[in-house]
């Protein structure tokens, strides 16, 4: 792997921080007047260089480890939101509710919404690859008939 230039290293770091290749390019290369299309192309070319993409992946890995974030942690956070929403629904169904449970309902209502629940379900589904479209095998036959002009 080729060593990165200081500007390439800065680009990789900014890309991980900002999540925007064009802005990372603008800041790393101190670009002020270049055309937006040109910036996108140059940023894209940098992202496609193997030494830069490997550096970006390593920086992301370091960041995840430093923050103790992994796939399971993310799933656990989403699961907590799902559990809270289910608890809120269960409490809302009760006819006779204690003062303690009423306080819990108000607290949970402040924390989560139905859209949070759906968003968490969607995120877990994507993370686990459960939203892949169903594959349907379909055979299509195409017949090409050649005709002469004089016919």
N, C-alpha and C. Protein backbone atom coordinates (compact mmCIF):
# COMPACT_ATOMS: atom_id res chain seq x y z
N UNK A 1 0.86 -1.19 0.00
CA UNK A 1 0.00 0.00 0.00
C UNK A 1 0.89 1.24 0.00
N UNK A 2 0.60 2.15 -0.92
CA UNK A 2 1.36 3.40 -1.00
C UNK A 2 1.00 4.30 0.17
N UNK A 3 2.00 5.00 0.65
CA UNK A 3 1.77 5.94 1.74
C UNK A 3 0.99 7.14 1.20
N UNK A 4 0.10 7.66 2.02
CA UNK A 4 -0.71 8.80 1.60
C UNK A 4 0.07 10.09 1.73
N UNK A 5 -0.25 11.02 0.86
CA UNK A 5 0.30 12.36 1.00
C UNK A 5 -0.43 13.02 2.17
N UNK A 6 0.11 14.10 2.71
CA UNK A 6 -0.60 14.78 3.80
C UNK A 6 -2.03 15.20 3.41
N UNK A 7 -2.21 15.65 2.17
CA UNK A 7 -3.56 16.07 1.74
C UNK A 7 -4.49 14.87 1.61
N UNK A 8 -3.98 13.75 1.12
CA UNK A 8 -4.80 12.55 1.01
C UNK A 8 -5.20 12.05 2.41
N UNK A 9 -4.26 12.09 3.34
CA UNK A 9 -4.55 11.68 4.72
C UNK A 9 -5.62 12.58 5.32
N UNK A 10 -5.48 13.90 5.09
CA UNK A 10 -6.46 14.85 5.61
C UNK A 10 -7.83 14.60 4.97
N UNK A 11 -7.83 14.31 3.66
CA UNK A 11 -9.08 14.00 2.97
C UNK A 11 -9.76 12.79 3.61
N UNK A 12 -8.99 11.72 3.85
CA UNK A 12 -9.55 10.50 4.45
C UNK A 12 -10.13 10.80 5.83
N UNK A 13 -9.40 11.55 6.64
CA UNK A 13 -9.87 11.89 7.99
C UNK A 13 -11.14 12.74 7.94
N UNK A 14 -11.14 13.73 7.05
CA UNK A 14 -12.32 14.59 6.92
C UNK A 14 -13.52 13.82 6.38
N UNK A 15 -13.26 12.90 5.47
CA UNK A 15 -14.36 12.10 4.92
C UNK A 15 -15.01 11.26 6.02
N UNK A 16 -14.21 10.66 6.88
CA UNK A 16 -14.75 9.88 7.99
C UNK A 16 -15.53 10.79 8.95
N UNK A 17 -15.00 11.97 9.20
CA UNK A 17 -15.64 12.91 10.12
C UNK A 17 -16.92 13.49 9.55
N UNK A 18 -16.88 13.92 8.28
CA UNK A 18 -18.00 14.64 7.68
C UNK A 18 -18.98 13.75 6.93
N UNK A 19 -18.49 12.64 6.39
CA UNK A 19 -19.34 11.76 5.60
C UNK A 19 -19.70 12.33 4.24
N UNK A 20 -18.95 13.34 3.78
CA UNK A 20 -19.23 13.99 2.51
C UNK A 20 -17.92 14.14 1.76
N UNK A 21 -17.78 13.41 0.66
CA UNK A 21 -16.52 13.40 -0.08
C UNK A 21 -16.19 14.77 -0.68
N UNK A 22 -17.18 15.45 -1.22
CA UNK A 22 -16.93 16.76 -1.84
C UNK A 22 -16.43 17.77 -0.81
N UNK A 23 -17.09 17.79 0.34
CA UNK A 23 -16.67 18.73 1.39
C UNK A 23 -15.30 18.36 1.94
N UNK A 24 -15.04 17.08 2.08
CA UNK A 24 -13.72 16.63 2.55
C UNK A 24 -12.64 17.06 1.55
N UNK A 25 -12.94 16.92 0.27
CA UNK A 25 -11.98 17.34 -0.77
C UNK A 25 -11.75 18.85 -0.70
N UNK A 26 -12.85 19.61 -0.60
CA UNK A 26 -12.76 21.07 -0.54
C UNK A 26 -11.86 21.52 0.60
N UNK A 27 -12.03 20.91 1.77
CA UNK A 27 -11.25 21.33 2.94
C UNK A 27 -9.81 20.81 2.88
N UNK A 28 -9.63 19.57 2.48
CA UNK A 28 -8.28 18.98 2.46
C UNK A 28 -7.38 19.63 1.42
N UNK A 29 -7.97 19.99 0.29
CA UNK A 29 -7.18 20.57 -0.79
C UNK A 29 -7.34 22.09 -0.87
N UNK A 30 -7.99 22.67 0.14
CA UNK A 30 -8.16 24.11 0.26
C UNK A 30 -8.72 24.71 -1.03
N UNK A 31 -9.79 24.11 -1.52
CA UNK A 31 -10.41 24.54 -2.76
C UNK A 31 -11.45 25.60 -2.45
N UNK A 32 -11.41 26.70 -3.19
CA UNK A 32 -12.40 27.75 -2.96
C UNK A 32 -13.21 28.07 -4.21
N UNK A 33 -12.63 27.95 -5.39
CA UNK A 33 -13.34 28.41 -6.59
C UNK A 33 -13.62 27.32 -7.62
N UNK A 34 -13.21 26.10 -7.37
CA UNK A 34 -13.38 25.05 -8.36
C UNK A 34 -14.85 24.69 -8.55
N UNK A 35 -15.21 24.36 -9.76
CA UNK A 35 -16.56 23.96 -10.13
C UNK A 35 -17.01 22.75 -9.30
N UNK A 36 -18.27 22.74 -8.88
CA UNK A 36 -18.82 21.67 -8.05
C UNK A 36 -18.69 20.31 -8.73
N UNK A 37 -18.94 20.25 -10.01
CA UNK A 37 -18.81 19.00 -10.76
C UNK A 37 -17.38 18.47 -10.72
N UNK A 38 -16.44 19.37 -10.85
CA UNK A 38 -15.02 18.99 -10.81
C UNK A 38 -14.67 18.45 -9.43
N UNK A 39 -15.16 19.12 -8.40
CA UNK A 39 -14.89 18.68 -7.02
C UNK A 39 -15.44 17.27 -6.81
N UNK A 40 -16.67 17.01 -7.28
CA UNK A 40 -17.28 15.68 -7.12
C UNK A 40 -16.43 14.61 -7.81
N UNK A 41 -15.98 14.91 -9.01
CA UNK A 41 -15.18 13.94 -9.77
C UNK A 41 -13.86 13.66 -9.07
N UNK A 42 -13.18 14.72 -8.63
CA UNK A 42 -11.89 14.54 -7.97
C UNK A 42 -12.05 13.80 -6.64
N UNK A 43 -13.09 14.12 -5.89
CA UNK A 43 -13.34 13.44 -4.62
C UNK A 43 -13.64 11.96 -4.86
N UNK A 44 -14.43 11.69 -5.88
CA UNK A 44 -14.77 10.31 -6.21
C UNK A 44 -13.52 9.52 -6.61
N UNK A 45 -12.65 10.14 -7.37
CA UNK A 45 -11.41 9.47 -7.77
C UNK A 45 -10.56 9.14 -6.55
N UNK A 46 -10.52 10.07 -5.60
CA UNK A 46 -9.76 9.79 -4.37
C UNK A 46 -10.37 8.61 -3.61
N UNK A 47 -11.69 8.59 -3.49
CA UNK A 47 -12.35 7.51 -2.77
C UNK A 47 -12.08 6.15 -3.41
N UNK A 48 -11.89 6.14 -4.72
CA UNK A 48 -11.67 4.89 -5.44
C UNK A 48 -10.22 4.41 -5.41
N UNK A 49 -9.31 5.22 -4.89
CA UNK A 49 -7.92 4.78 -4.76
C UNK A 49 -7.83 3.80 -3.60
N UNK A 50 -7.26 2.65 -3.85
CA UNK A 50 -7.25 1.59 -2.82
C UNK A 50 -6.56 2.03 -1.54
N UNK A 51 -5.46 2.76 -1.64
CA UNK A 51 -4.76 3.17 -0.41
C UNK A 51 -5.62 4.13 0.42
N UNK A 52 -6.40 4.95 -0.23
CA UNK A 52 -7.27 5.89 0.49
C UNK A 52 -8.48 5.15 1.07
N UNK A 53 -9.09 4.27 0.28
CA UNK A 53 -10.27 3.54 0.78
C UNK A 53 -9.89 2.63 1.96
N UNK A 54 -8.69 2.05 1.92
CA UNK A 54 -8.23 1.22 3.04
C UNK A 54 -8.00 2.09 4.27
N UNK A 55 -7.41 3.27 4.07
CA UNK A 55 -7.19 4.19 5.19
C UNK A 55 -8.52 4.61 5.80
N UNK A 56 -9.51 4.91 4.97
CA UNK A 56 -10.83 5.30 5.46
C UNK A 56 -11.45 4.18 6.27
N UNK A 57 -11.36 2.95 5.78
CA UNK A 57 -11.93 1.82 6.51
C UNK A 57 -11.21 1.62 7.84
N UNK A 58 -9.90 1.79 7.86
CA UNK A 58 -9.13 1.66 9.11
C UNK A 58 -9.51 2.75 10.10
N UNK A 59 -9.69 3.98 9.60
CA UNK A 59 -10.09 5.08 10.48
C UNK A 59 -11.47 4.83 11.07
N UNK A 60 -12.38 4.32 10.25
CA UNK A 60 -13.72 4.00 10.74
C UNK A 60 -13.67 2.90 11.80
N UNK A 61 -12.84 1.90 11.54
CA UNK A 61 -12.69 0.80 12.50
C UNK A 61 -12.16 1.32 13.83
N UNK A 62 -11.14 2.18 13.78
CA UNK A 62 -10.59 2.77 15.00
C UNK A 62 -11.64 3.57 15.75
N UNK A 63 -12.44 4.32 15.00
CA UNK A 63 -13.50 5.14 15.59
C UNK A 63 -14.55 4.26 16.28
N UNK A 64 -14.95 3.18 15.60
CA UNK A 64 -15.93 2.26 16.20
C UNK A 64 -15.38 1.64 17.47
N UNK A 65 -14.10 1.23 17.43
CA UNK A 65 -13.50 0.60 18.61
C UNK A 65 -13.35 1.61 19.75
N UNK A 66 -12.96 2.82 19.43
CA UNK A 66 -12.79 3.85 20.46
C UNK A 66 -14.11 4.16 21.14
N UNK A 67 -15.18 4.11 20.37
CA UNK A 67 -16.50 4.41 20.93
C UNK A 67 -17.27 3.17 21.34
N UNK A 68 -16.63 2.02 21.21
CA UNK A 68 -17.23 0.73 21.58
C UNK A 68 -18.57 0.52 20.87
N UNK A 69 -18.58 0.84 19.59
CA UNK A 69 -19.79 0.67 18.79
C UNK A 69 -19.57 -0.46 17.79
N UNK A 70 -20.46 -1.42 17.84
CA UNK A 70 -20.43 -2.48 16.85
C UNK A 70 -21.88 -2.80 16.46
N UNK A 71 -22.03 -3.75 15.57
CA UNK A 71 -23.36 -4.10 15.06
C UNK A 71 -24.30 -4.50 16.21
N UNK A 72 -23.80 -5.30 17.12
CA UNK A 72 -24.64 -5.77 18.22
C UNK A 72 -25.09 -4.62 19.11
N UNK A 73 -24.20 -3.67 19.36
CA UNK A 73 -24.55 -2.52 20.19
C UNK A 73 -25.68 -1.73 19.53
N UNK A 74 -25.56 -1.53 18.22
CA UNK A 74 -26.58 -0.78 17.49
C UNK A 74 -27.92 -1.53 17.54
N UNK A 75 -27.88 -2.83 17.31
CA UNK A 75 -29.11 -3.62 17.39
C UNK A 75 -29.72 -3.53 18.79
N UNK A 76 -28.87 -3.59 19.82
CA UNK A 76 -29.38 -3.49 21.20
C UNK A 76 -30.08 -2.15 21.44
N UNK A 77 -29.52 -1.07 20.90
CA UNK A 77 -30.15 0.24 21.07
C UNK A 77 -31.50 0.30 20.39
N UNK A 78 -31.58 -0.25 19.19
CA UNK A 78 -32.86 -0.29 18.48
C UNK A 78 -33.85 -1.19 19.21
N UNK A 79 -33.36 -2.30 19.75
CA UNK A 79 -34.24 -3.22 20.47
C UNK A 79 -34.83 -2.54 21.71
N UNK A 80 -34.04 -1.69 22.35
CA UNK A 80 -34.53 -0.96 23.51
C UNK A 80 -35.69 -0.04 23.13
N UNK A 81 -35.56 0.64 22.00
CA UNK A 81 -36.64 1.51 21.52
C UNK A 81 -37.89 0.68 21.23
N UNK A 82 -37.70 -0.46 20.59
CA UNK A 82 -38.83 -1.35 20.28
C UNK A 82 -39.50 -1.81 21.57
N UNK A 83 -38.69 -2.22 22.54
CA UNK A 83 -39.25 -2.68 23.82
C UNK A 83 -40.02 -1.58 24.53
N UNK A 84 -39.50 -0.35 24.54
CA UNK A 84 -40.19 0.77 25.17
C UNK A 84 -41.53 1.02 24.50
N UNK A 85 -41.54 0.99 23.17
CA UNK A 85 -42.78 1.23 22.44
C UNK A 85 -43.81 0.15 22.75
N UNK A 86 -43.36 -1.10 22.79
CA UNK A 86 -44.27 -2.20 23.11
C UNK A 86 -44.81 -2.05 24.54
N UNK A 87 -43.96 -1.62 25.46
CA UNK A 87 -44.41 -1.39 26.84
C UNK A 87 -45.45 -0.27 26.88
N UNK A 88 -45.19 0.80 26.14
CA UNK A 88 -46.12 1.92 26.09
C UNK A 88 -47.48 1.47 25.54
N UNK A 89 -47.46 0.68 24.49
CA UNK A 89 -48.71 0.16 23.93
C UNK A 89 -49.46 -0.70 24.94
N UNK A 90 -48.72 -1.54 25.65
CA UNK A 90 -49.33 -2.42 26.64
C UNK A 90 -49.95 -1.61 27.77
N UNK A 91 -49.23 -0.59 28.25
CA UNK A 91 -49.76 0.26 29.32
C UNK A 91 -51.00 1.02 28.85
N UNK A 92 -51.00 1.44 27.61
CA UNK A 92 -52.13 2.20 27.07
C UNK A 92 -53.39 1.35 26.98
N UNK A 93 -53.25 0.03 26.87
CA UNK A 93 -54.40 -0.87 26.78
C UNK A 93 -55.06 -1.12 28.13
N UNK A 94 -54.34 -0.86 29.19
CA UNK A 94 -54.87 -1.13 30.53
C UNK A 94 -56.00 -0.15 30.87
N UNK A 95 -57.05 -0.69 31.45
CA UNK A 95 -58.17 0.17 31.85
C UNK A 95 -57.89 0.84 33.18
N UNK A 96 -57.43 0.07 34.14
CA UNK A 96 -57.13 0.58 35.46
C UNK A 96 -55.62 0.71 35.57
N UNK A 97 -55.13 1.93 35.60
CA UNK A 97 -53.68 2.13 35.58
C UNK A 97 -53.25 2.85 36.86
N UNK A 98 -52.19 2.37 37.45
CA UNK A 98 -51.70 2.96 38.70
C UNK A 98 -50.99 4.29 38.42
N UNK A 99 -50.80 5.08 39.45
CA UNK A 99 -50.09 6.35 39.30
C UNK A 99 -48.66 6.11 38.81
N UNK A 100 -48.06 5.05 39.31
CA UNK A 100 -46.69 4.70 38.90
C UNK A 100 -46.66 4.42 37.39
N UNK A 101 -47.64 3.64 36.91
CA UNK A 101 -47.70 3.32 35.48
C UNK A 101 -48.04 4.55 34.64
N UNK A 102 -48.85 5.46 35.19
CA UNK A 102 -49.16 6.70 34.47
C UNK A 102 -47.89 7.51 34.26
N UNK A 103 -47.07 7.59 35.30
CA UNK A 103 -45.79 8.31 35.18
C UNK A 103 -44.91 7.65 34.12
N UNK A 104 -44.94 6.32 34.11
CA UNK A 104 -44.14 5.58 33.11
C UNK A 104 -44.64 5.88 31.70
N UNK A 105 -45.95 5.94 31.53
CA UNK A 105 -46.52 6.26 30.21
C UNK A 105 -46.06 7.64 29.76
N UNK A 106 -46.14 8.64 30.64
CA UNK A 106 -45.71 9.99 30.27
C UNK A 106 -44.23 10.04 29.92
N UNK A 107 -43.43 9.31 30.69
CA UNK A 107 -42.00 9.28 30.43
C UNK A 107 -41.72 8.63 29.07
N UNK A 108 -42.38 7.50 28.81
CA UNK A 108 -42.16 6.80 27.54
C UNK A 108 -42.67 7.62 26.36
N UNK A 109 -43.81 8.32 26.54
CA UNK A 109 -44.34 9.16 25.46
C UNK A 109 -43.37 10.27 25.10
N UNK A 110 -42.64 10.77 26.11
CA UNK A 110 -41.64 11.81 25.84
C UNK A 110 -40.42 11.25 25.12
N UNK A 111 -40.14 9.97 25.34
CA UNK A 111 -38.95 9.35 24.76
C UNK A 111 -39.14 8.87 23.33
N UNK A 112 -40.28 8.26 23.05
CA UNK A 112 -40.43 7.60 21.75
C UNK A 112 -41.76 7.90 21.10
N UNK A 113 -41.76 7.68 19.79
CA UNK A 113 -42.96 7.84 18.97
C UNK A 113 -43.11 6.57 18.13
N UNK A 114 -44.22 6.43 17.49
CA UNK A 114 -44.42 5.30 16.59
C UNK A 114 -43.39 5.28 15.47
N UNK A 115 -43.00 6.46 15.01
CA UNK A 115 -42.01 6.52 13.93
C UNK A 115 -40.64 6.01 14.41
N UNK A 116 -40.33 6.19 15.70
CA UNK A 116 -39.09 5.65 16.25
C UNK A 116 -39.12 4.12 16.21
N UNK A 117 -40.28 3.58 16.58
CA UNK A 117 -40.47 2.13 16.57
C UNK A 117 -40.28 1.58 15.16
N UNK A 118 -40.98 2.18 14.20
CA UNK A 118 -40.88 1.73 12.81
C UNK A 118 -39.47 1.91 12.27
N UNK A 119 -38.82 3.02 12.62
CA UNK A 119 -37.45 3.26 12.18
C UNK A 119 -36.49 2.23 12.73
N UNK A 120 -36.66 1.86 13.98
CA UNK A 120 -35.80 0.84 14.59
C UNK A 120 -36.02 -0.51 13.94
N UNK A 121 -37.26 -0.87 13.70
CA UNK A 121 -37.54 -2.13 13.02
C UNK A 121 -36.90 -2.14 11.63
N UNK A 122 -37.04 -1.04 10.93
CA UNK A 122 -36.47 -0.92 9.58
C UNK A 122 -34.95 -1.04 9.62
N UNK A 123 -34.32 -0.37 10.58
CA UNK A 123 -32.86 -0.42 10.69
C UNK A 123 -32.36 -1.83 10.98
N UNK A 124 -33.00 -2.50 11.92
CA UNK A 124 -32.59 -3.87 12.25
C UNK A 124 -32.80 -4.78 11.04
N UNK A 125 -33.92 -4.61 10.37
CA UNK A 125 -34.21 -5.42 9.19
C UNK A 125 -33.11 -5.25 8.14
N UNK A 126 -32.70 -4.02 7.89
CA UNK A 126 -31.63 -3.75 6.91
C UNK A 126 -30.30 -4.32 7.38
N UNK A 127 -29.98 -4.11 8.66
CA UNK A 127 -28.69 -4.58 9.19
C UNK A 127 -28.56 -6.09 9.08
N UNK A 128 -29.65 -6.79 9.27
CA UNK A 128 -29.61 -8.25 9.24
C UNK A 128 -29.89 -8.81 7.84
N UNK A 129 -30.11 -7.92 6.87
CA UNK A 129 -30.34 -8.36 5.50
C UNK A 129 -31.68 -9.02 5.28
N UNK A 130 -32.64 -8.70 6.15
CA UNK A 130 -33.95 -9.33 6.05
C UNK A 130 -34.88 -8.62 5.07
N UNK A 131 -34.43 -7.53 4.50
CA UNK A 131 -35.28 -6.77 3.57
C UNK A 131 -34.91 -7.03 2.11
N UNK A 132 -34.13 -8.07 1.88
CA UNK A 132 -33.76 -8.39 0.50
C UNK A 132 -35.01 -8.78 -0.28
N UNK A 133 -35.10 -8.30 -1.50
CA UNK A 133 -36.29 -8.65 -2.29
C UNK A 133 -36.31 -10.15 -2.58
N UNK A 134 -37.53 -10.67 -2.69
CA UNK A 134 -37.68 -12.08 -3.02
C UNK A 134 -37.25 -12.29 -4.45
N UNK A 135 -36.48 -13.34 -4.67
CA UNK A 135 -36.04 -13.64 -6.03
C UNK A 135 -37.05 -14.58 -6.68
N UNK A 136 -37.46 -14.20 -7.85
CA UNK A 136 -38.42 -15.01 -8.59
C UNK A 136 -37.75 -15.42 -9.89
N UNK A 137 -37.67 -16.72 -10.09
CA UNK A 137 -37.09 -17.22 -11.33
C UNK A 137 -38.17 -17.20 -12.40
N UNK A 138 -37.88 -16.49 -13.46
CA UNK A 138 -38.85 -16.38 -14.53
C UNK A 138 -38.09 -16.58 -15.84
N UNK A 139 -38.59 -17.44 -16.65
CA UNK A 139 -37.94 -17.69 -17.92
C UNK A 139 -38.70 -16.96 -19.01
N UNK A 140 -37.97 -16.19 -19.77
CA UNK A 140 -38.59 -15.44 -20.86
C UNK A 140 -37.93 -15.87 -22.15
N UNK A 141 -38.74 -16.23 -23.12
CA UNK A 141 -38.22 -16.62 -24.43
C UNK A 141 -38.54 -15.51 -25.42
N UNK A 142 -37.53 -15.12 -26.15
CA UNK A 142 -37.71 -14.08 -27.16
C UNK A 142 -37.35 -14.69 -28.51
N UNK A 143 -38.27 -14.55 -29.44
CA UNK A 143 -38.02 -15.08 -30.77
C UNK A 143 -37.86 -13.90 -31.72
N UNK A 144 -36.78 -13.94 -32.45
CA UNK A 144 -36.51 -12.88 -33.41
C UNK A 144 -36.71 -13.46 -34.81
N UNK A 145 -37.59 -12.82 -35.53
CA UNK A 145 -37.87 -13.27 -36.90
C UNK A 145 -37.34 -12.21 -37.84
N UNK A 146 -36.52 -12.68 -38.75
CA UNK A 146 -35.92 -11.75 -39.72
C UNK A 146 -36.73 -11.79 -40.99
N UNK A 147 -37.14 -10.63 -41.46
CA UNK A 147 -37.91 -10.55 -42.71
C UNK A 147 -37.14 -9.74 -43.71
N UNK A 148 -37.28 -10.10 -44.95
CA UNK A 148 -36.64 -9.34 -46.03
C UNK A 148 -37.58 -8.21 -46.43
N UNK A 149 -37.01 -7.15 -46.92
CA UNK A 149 -37.81 -5.97 -47.30
C UNK A 149 -38.79 -6.25 -48.43
N UNK A 150 -38.43 -7.11 -49.33
CA UNK A 150 -39.26 -7.33 -50.52
C UNK A 150 -40.46 -8.22 -50.23
N UNK A 151 -40.55 -8.82 -49.07
CA UNK A 151 -41.66 -9.74 -48.76
C UNK A 151 -42.91 -9.02 -48.36
